[in-house]
């Protein structure tokens, strides 16, 4: 009788499948997904439901108690608004001007506040403080400061022999004046983002550049600027979204005036809401949402590709 001798490893050395099976079962357990549920409920309630409701109500003529479906009439009427073209032009000018200034000033302040200067922590707090102040409060304060006759800014200019302009009463200066206030209020956030980006750059790059004889300009151009690109792209996207959706500061300071010189799309929509055209203003909000999405999504992808290339 022939005895068959097993050729595989002993039973004690054979792999045990039970622990792996248990780990696989734990990996596919639905238990961790329940932690997403509270955030999903809040997100859906505060964002998804109002968004889809806005798309529906933009196709109706509605009041608080009733709505009548009218199709695309609201959109057709919205594009016939006389101040709409001026509002779109002002919106794009405002968004580009504020985002560009926030990028430049935020980068310069970020470099300054990461260098070895005295009272660095205090200066960081001072720069960030305007971000914490109410936008409407900032608008009311600067409206008083920019008053052409009694404002502190023109009073200081007249003390040195300069006739101050009508910052908020001159149609050619009103939007630019509000944009400067917006930059003053928002540059602190851009600075904090740049500080985080610059601090995260390894010191090895600075040391290697100095060994090669790089001066301050070469360090800025070849080390800080390219390696802080993630911070730059973040500041561009956030400030551009804020600029395209700007309303509260402009309304607090000029209410779109004088005339329509500082009207933006959001203020045109609000004026329609004030007049009782709720469906029309909802259609305007939908259009603004689509415009912002159409600009920001491709821009974000483009900036992400640039980040990978760098």
Protein backbone atom coordinates (compact mmCIF):
# COMPACT_ATOMS: atom_id res chain seq x y z
CA UNK A 1 0.00 0.00 0.00
CA UNK A 2 1.47 3.32 -1.08
CA UNK A 3 1.39 6.25 1.33
CA UNK A 4 0.94 9.71 -0.16
CA UNK A 5 3.17 12.29 1.54
CA UNK A 6 1.84 15.88 1.46
CA UNK A 7 4.19 18.27 -0.37
CA UNK A 8 2.75 21.57 0.86
CA UNK A 9 3.85 23.43 3.98
CA UNK A 10 2.86 22.08 7.36
CA UNK A 11 -0.53 22.97 8.68
CA UNK A 12 1.03 25.39 11.17
CA UNK A 13 2.76 27.29 8.32
CA UNK A 14 -0.23 27.50 5.96
CA UNK A 15 -1.73 31.02 5.64
CA UNK A 16 -4.71 31.72 7.78
CA UNK A 17 -7.59 33.16 5.77
CA UNK A 18 -9.89 33.92 8.65
CA UNK A 19 -8.21 37.17 9.81
CA UNK A 20 -7.99 38.46 6.22
CA UNK A 21 -11.62 37.61 5.69
CA UNK A 22 -12.52 39.50 8.86
CA UNK A 23 -10.49 42.53 7.76
CA UNK A 24 -12.18 42.47 4.36
CA UNK A 25 -15.57 42.37 6.03
CA UNK A 26 -14.58 45.31 8.23
CA UNK A 27 -13.38 47.29 5.19
CA UNK A 28 -16.70 46.91 3.42
CA UNK A 29 -18.73 47.56 6.54
CA UNK A 30 -21.30 50.33 6.07
CA UNK A 31 -20.68 51.56 9.61
CA UNK A 32 -18.21 54.42 8.77
CA UNK A 33 -20.50 55.83 6.09
CA UNK A 34 -23.08 56.72 8.75
CA UNK A 35 -20.73 59.47 9.94
CA UNK A 36 -21.30 61.26 6.62
CA UNK A 37 -25.05 61.38 7.20
CA UNK A 38 -25.25 64.51 9.43
CA UNK A 39 -23.07 66.53 7.05
CA UNK A 40 -25.04 65.25 4.06
CA UNK A 41 -28.35 66.25 5.64
CA UNK A 42 -27.08 69.76 6.46
CA UNK A 43 -25.55 70.18 2.99
CA UNK A 44 -28.67 68.96 1.26
CA UNK A 45 -30.99 71.11 3.39
CA UNK A 46 -28.99 74.33 3.15
CA UNK A 47 -27.62 74.04 -0.39
CA UNK A 48 -29.09 71.37 -2.65
CA UNK A 49 -32.76 71.91 -1.81
CA UNK A 50 -32.63 75.74 -2.19
CA UNK A 51 -30.61 75.40 -5.39
CA UNK A 52 -33.09 73.09 -7.11
CA UNK A 53 -35.98 75.13 -5.73
CA UNK A 54 -34.43 78.25 -7.30
CA UNK A 55 -34.26 76.53 -10.68
CA UNK A 56 -37.97 75.72 -10.42
CA UNK A 57 -39.12 79.11 -9.15
CA UNK A 58 -37.10 80.86 -11.87
CA UNK A 59 -39.62 79.36 -14.30
CA UNK A 60 -42.62 80.75 -12.42
CA UNK A 61 -44.23 83.99 -11.41
CA UNK A 62 -44.51 83.50 -7.68
CA UNK A 63 -45.45 85.13 -4.43
CA UNK A 64 -45.24 83.80 -0.89
CA UNK A 65 -48.52 81.87 -1.27
CA UNK A 66 -48.79 80.89 -4.94
CA UNK A 67 -46.78 80.35 -8.10
CA UNK A 68 -47.67 80.20 -11.80
CA UNK A 69 -45.49 78.38 -14.31
CA UNK A 70 -44.47 80.71 -17.17
CA UNK A 71 -41.51 78.87 -18.72
CA UNK A 72 -38.53 80.95 -19.83
CA UNK A 73 -40.31 84.31 -19.75
CA UNK A 74 -38.37 85.43 -16.67
CA UNK A 75 -35.05 84.78 -18.38
CA UNK A 76 -36.15 86.61 -21.51
CA UNK A 77 -37.27 89.60 -19.47
CA UNK A 78 -34.13 89.57 -17.35
CA UNK A 79 -31.89 89.86 -20.39
CA UNK A 80 -33.94 92.87 -21.49
CA UNK A 81 -33.09 94.73 -18.27
CA UNK A 82 -31.56 98.11 -19.27
CA UNK A 83 -28.92 98.08 -16.51
CA UNK A 84 -27.89 94.45 -17.09
CA UNK A 85 -25.04 95.10 -19.54
CA UNK A 86 -23.59 97.75 -17.25
CA UNK A 87 -24.02 95.37 -14.32
CA UNK A 88 -22.11 92.56 -16.04
CA UNK A 89 -19.30 94.89 -17.10
CA UNK A 90 -18.98 96.29 -13.59
CA UNK A 91 -19.10 92.81 -12.09
CA UNK A 92 -16.20 91.54 -14.20
CA UNK A 93 -14.16 94.73 -13.68
CA UNK A 94 -14.76 94.59 -9.94
CA UNK A 95 -13.90 90.88 -9.69
CA UNK A 96 -10.69 91.17 -11.73
CA UNK A 97 -9.51 94.32 -9.94
CA UNK A 98 -10.15 93.03 -6.42
CA UNK A 99 -8.75 89.55 -7.03
CA UNK A 100 -5.64 90.91 -8.77
CA UNK A 101 -4.88 93.36 -5.97
CA UNK A 102 -5.48 90.70 -3.31
CA UNK A 103 -3.04 88.34 -5.03
CA UNK A 104 -0.30 90.97 -5.36
CA UNK A 105 -0.71 92.56 -1.92
CA UNK A 106 -1.32 89.22 -0.21
CA UNK A 107 1.90 87.82 -1.67
CA UNK A 108 3.96 90.87 -0.67
CA UNK A 109 2.50 90.94 2.83
CA UNK A 110 2.99 87.18 3.14
CA UNK A 111 6.68 87.55 2.30
CA UNK A 112 7.03 90.45 4.73
CA UNK A 113 5.25 88.68 7.58
CA UNK A 114 7.32 85.49 7.19
CA UNK A 115 10.62 87.37 7.30
CA UNK A 116 12.58 88.10 10.45
CA UNK A 117 10.97 91.40 11.46
CA UNK A 118 10.05 92.70 14.88
CA UNK A 119 6.45 92.40 16.14
CA UNK A 120 5.70 89.91 13.40
CA UNK A 121 2.85 88.24 15.29
CA UNK A 122 1.25 91.59 16.12
CA UNK A 123 1.43 92.72 12.49
CA UNK A 124 -0.20 89.49 11.35
CA UNK A 125 -3.10 90.18 13.70
CA UNK A 126 -3.42 93.76 12.44
CA UNK A 127 -3.51 92.62 8.80
CA UNK A 128 -6.11 89.93 9.49
CA UNK A 129 -8.34 92.06 11.73
CA UNK A 130 -10.44 93.66 8.89
CA UNK A 131 -11.55 90.17 7.79
CA UNK A 132 -13.37 89.78 11.10
CA UNK A 133 -15.28 93.08 10.85
CA UNK A 134 -18.83 93.15 9.49
CA UNK A 135 -18.95 94.01 5.79
CA UNK A 136 -21.90 96.36 6.26
CA UNK A 137 -20.08 98.04 9.15
CA UNK A 138 -17.01 98.53 6.97
CA UNK A 139 -19.19 99.98 4.21
CA UNK A 140 -20.90 102.49 6.52
CA UNK A 141 -17.57 103.52 8.07
CA UNK A 142 -15.84 104.13 4.76
CA UNK A 143 -18.89 105.94 3.40
CA UNK A 144 -18.36 108.49 6.15
CA UNK A 145 -14.58 108.57 5.64
CA UNK A 146 -14.98 109.11 1.89
CA UNK A 147 -17.55 111.88 2.13
CA UNK A 148 -16.35 114.60 -0.28
CA UNK A 149 -16.99 117.49 2.10
CA UNK A 150 -16.76 116.18 5.66
CA UNK A 151 -14.87 112.90 5.24
CA UNK A 152 -11.57 112.35 7.02
CA UNK A 153 -9.79 111.30 3.81
CA UNK A 154 -10.50 114.52 1.91
CA UNK A 155 -9.86 116.56 5.05
CA UNK A 156 -6.39 115.03 5.32
CA UNK A 157 -5.75 115.69 1.63
CA UNK A 158 -6.87 119.30 1.91
CA UNK A 159 -4.48 119.79 4.82
CA UNK A 160 -1.58 119.19 2.42
CA UNK A 161 -3.09 121.28 -0.36
CA UNK A 162 -4.80 118.54 -2.40
CA UNK A 163 -8.45 118.77 -3.40
CA UNK A 164 -9.89 115.34 -2.74
CA UNK A 165 -12.22 113.84 -5.33
CA UNK A 166 -15.77 112.65 -4.82
CA UNK A 167 -14.86 109.07 -4.04
CA UNK A 168 -18.43 107.79 -4.04
CA UNK A 169 -20.19 110.61 -5.89
CA UNK A 170 -18.04 110.67 -9.04
CA UNK A 171 -19.39 108.03 -11.49
CA UNK A 172 -15.88 107.32 -12.75
CA UNK A 173 -14.51 106.66 -9.24
CA UNK A 174 -17.37 105.06 -7.30
CA UNK A 175 -16.78 101.43 -8.31
CA UNK A 176 -13.01 101.77 -7.97
CA UNK A 177 -13.40 103.28 -4.49
CA UNK A 178 -15.57 100.38 -3.32
CA UNK A 179 -13.05 97.94 -4.83
CA UNK A 180 -10.26 99.50 -2.76
CA UNK A 181 -12.32 99.07 0.41
CA UNK A 182 -13.01 95.46 -0.57
CA UNK A 183 -9.27 94.85 -0.98
CA UNK A 184 -8.55 96.47 2.40
CA UNK A 185 -11.06 94.17 4.05
CA UNK A 186 -10.14 90.95 2.24
CA UNK A 187 -6.38 91.10 1.81
CA UNK A 188 -5.89 89.70 5.30
CA UNK A 189 -7.32 86.33 4.29
CA UNK A 190 -5.10 86.24 1.19
CA UNK A 191 -2.10 87.09 3.37
CA UNK A 192 -2.84 84.23 5.77
CA UNK A 193 -3.10 81.78 2.86
CA UNK A 194 0.23 83.02 1.46
CA UNK A 195 1.86 82.80 4.89
CA UNK A 196 0.82 79.14 5.11
CA UNK A 197 2.11 78.49 1.58
CA UNK A 198 5.47 80.23 2.13
CA UNK A 199 6.10 78.61 5.53
CA UNK A 200 5.51 75.15 3.99
CA UNK A 201 8.40 75.61 1.52
CA UNK A 202 11.34 73.45 2.73
CA UNK A 203 14.41 75.40 3.82
CA UNK A 204 16.60 73.19 1.63
CA UNK A 205 15.47 75.15 -1.43
CA UNK A 206 16.54 78.46 0.12
CA UNK A 207 19.91 77.03 1.17
CA UNK A 208 20.58 75.53 -2.26
CA UNK A 209 19.67 78.81 -3.97
CA UNK A 210 21.94 80.82 -1.64
CA UNK A 211 24.81 78.42 -2.29
CA UNK A 212 24.33 79.10 -6.01
CA UNK A 213 24.61 82.81 -5.30
CA UNK A 214 20.94 83.77 -5.50
CA UNK A 215 19.98 87.16 -4.13
CA UNK A 216 16.59 88.29 -2.77
CA UNK A 217 15.08 88.78 -6.24
CA UNK A 218 16.31 85.37 -7.45
CA UNK A 219 14.91 83.75 -4.29
CA UNK A 220 11.56 85.38 -4.90
CA UNK A 221 11.44 84.54 -8.60
CA UNK A 222 12.84 81.00 -8.54
CA UNK A 223 11.80 79.69 -5.10
CA UNK A 224 8.95 81.58 -3.45
CA UNK A 225 6.85 82.41 -6.50
CA UNK A 226 6.74 78.92 -8.09
CA UNK A 227 6.54 76.95 -4.84
CA UNK A 228 3.75 79.11 -3.43
CA UNK A 229 1.60 78.49 -6.52
CA UNK A 230 -0.98 76.42 -4.59
CA UNK A 231 -1.59 79.43 -2.36
CA UNK A 232 -1.81 81.70 -5.40
CA UNK A 233 -4.40 79.50 -7.11
CA UNK A 234 -6.44 79.34 -3.89
CA UNK A 235 -6.43 83.12 -3.49
CA UNK A 236 -7.36 83.64 -7.15
CA UNK A 237 -10.34 81.28 -6.98
CA UNK A 238 -11.68 82.52 -3.64
CA UNK A 239 -11.29 86.22 -4.42
CA UNK A 240 -12.74 85.83 -7.91
CA UNK A 241 -15.81 84.03 -6.56
CA UNK A 242 -16.25 86.77 -3.97
CA UNK A 243 -15.85 89.48 -6.59
CA UNK A 244 -18.34 87.96 -9.02
CA UNK A 245 -20.92 87.56 -6.24
CA UNK A 246 -20.23 90.94 -4.62
CA UNK A 247 -23.23 92.80 -3.29
CA UNK A 248 -23.22 93.76 0.39
CA UNK A 249 -20.29 96.18 0.38
CA UNK A 250 -21.41 97.87 -2.85
CA UNK A 251 -24.97 98.23 -1.60
CA UNK A 252 -23.85 99.59 1.78
CA UNK A 253 -21.62 102.23 0.17
CA UNK A 254 -23.29 103.33 -3.09
CA UNK A 255 -26.50 101.30 -3.65
CA UNK A 256 -25.34 100.97 -7.24
CA UNK A 257 -25.03 104.72 -7.75
CA UNK A 258 -24.50 107.38 -8.67
CA UNK A 259 -26.91 106.44 -11.43
CA UNK A 260 -25.95 102.93 -12.53
CA UNK A 261 -22.19 103.57 -12.39
CA UNK A 262 -21.48 101.01 -9.65
CA UNK A 263 -24.31 98.58 -10.31
CA UNK A 264 -23.30 94.91 -10.42
CA UNK A 265 -25.41 91.91 -11.36
CA UNK A 266 -26.27 91.16 -7.74
CA UNK A 267 -27.51 94.72 -7.12
CA UNK A 268 -29.63 94.59 -10.30
CA UNK A 269 -31.19 91.37 -9.00
CA UNK A 270 -31.84 92.92 -5.58
CA UNK A 271 -33.56 95.94 -7.12
CA UNK A 272 -35.89 93.58 -8.98
CA UNK A 273 -36.62 91.80 -5.73
CA UNK A 274 -37.37 95.13 -4.04
CA UNK A 275 -39.84 95.94 -6.83
CA UNK A 276 -41.74 92.70 -6.16
CA UNK A 277 -40.56 90.75 -9.23
CA UNK A 278 -39.64 87.63 -7.28
CA UNK A 279 -39.61 85.21 -10.20
CA UNK A 280 -37.53 87.63 -12.27
CA UNK A 281 -34.99 88.10 -9.50
CA UNK A 282 -34.82 84.32 -8.98
CA UNK A 283 -34.05 83.88 -12.68
CA UNK A 284 -31.29 86.47 -12.28
CA UNK A 285 -29.84 84.50 -9.39
CA UNK A 286 -29.84 81.34 -11.50
CA UNK A 287 -28.07 83.16 -14.32
CA UNK A 288 -25.47 84.54 -11.90
CA UNK A 289 -24.95 81.06 -10.46
CA UNK A 290 -24.40 79.62 -13.94
CA UNK A 291 -22.03 82.43 -14.93
CA UNK A 292 -19.91 82.00 -11.80
CA UNK A 293 -19.84 78.22 -12.30
CA UNK A 294 -18.89 78.57 -15.97
CA UNK A 295 -15.94 80.78 -15.02
CA UNK A 296 -14.70 79.14 -11.83
CA UNK A 297 -14.81 75.44 -12.83
CA UNK A 298 -12.56 75.74 -15.92
CA UNK A 299 -10.32 78.22 -14.12
CA UNK A 300 -9.87 75.84 -11.19
CA UNK A 301 -8.91 73.01 -13.54
CA UNK A 302 -6.48 75.26 -15.42
CA UNK A 303 -4.82 76.39 -12.20
CA UNK A 304 -4.62 72.79 -10.99
CA UNK A 305 -2.86 71.77 -14.22
CA UNK A 306 -0.42 74.65 -13.81
CA UNK A 307 0.24 73.47 -10.25
CA UNK A 308 1.09 69.97 -11.49
CA UNK A 309 3.40 71.36 -14.17
CA UNK A 310 5.30 73.39 -11.61
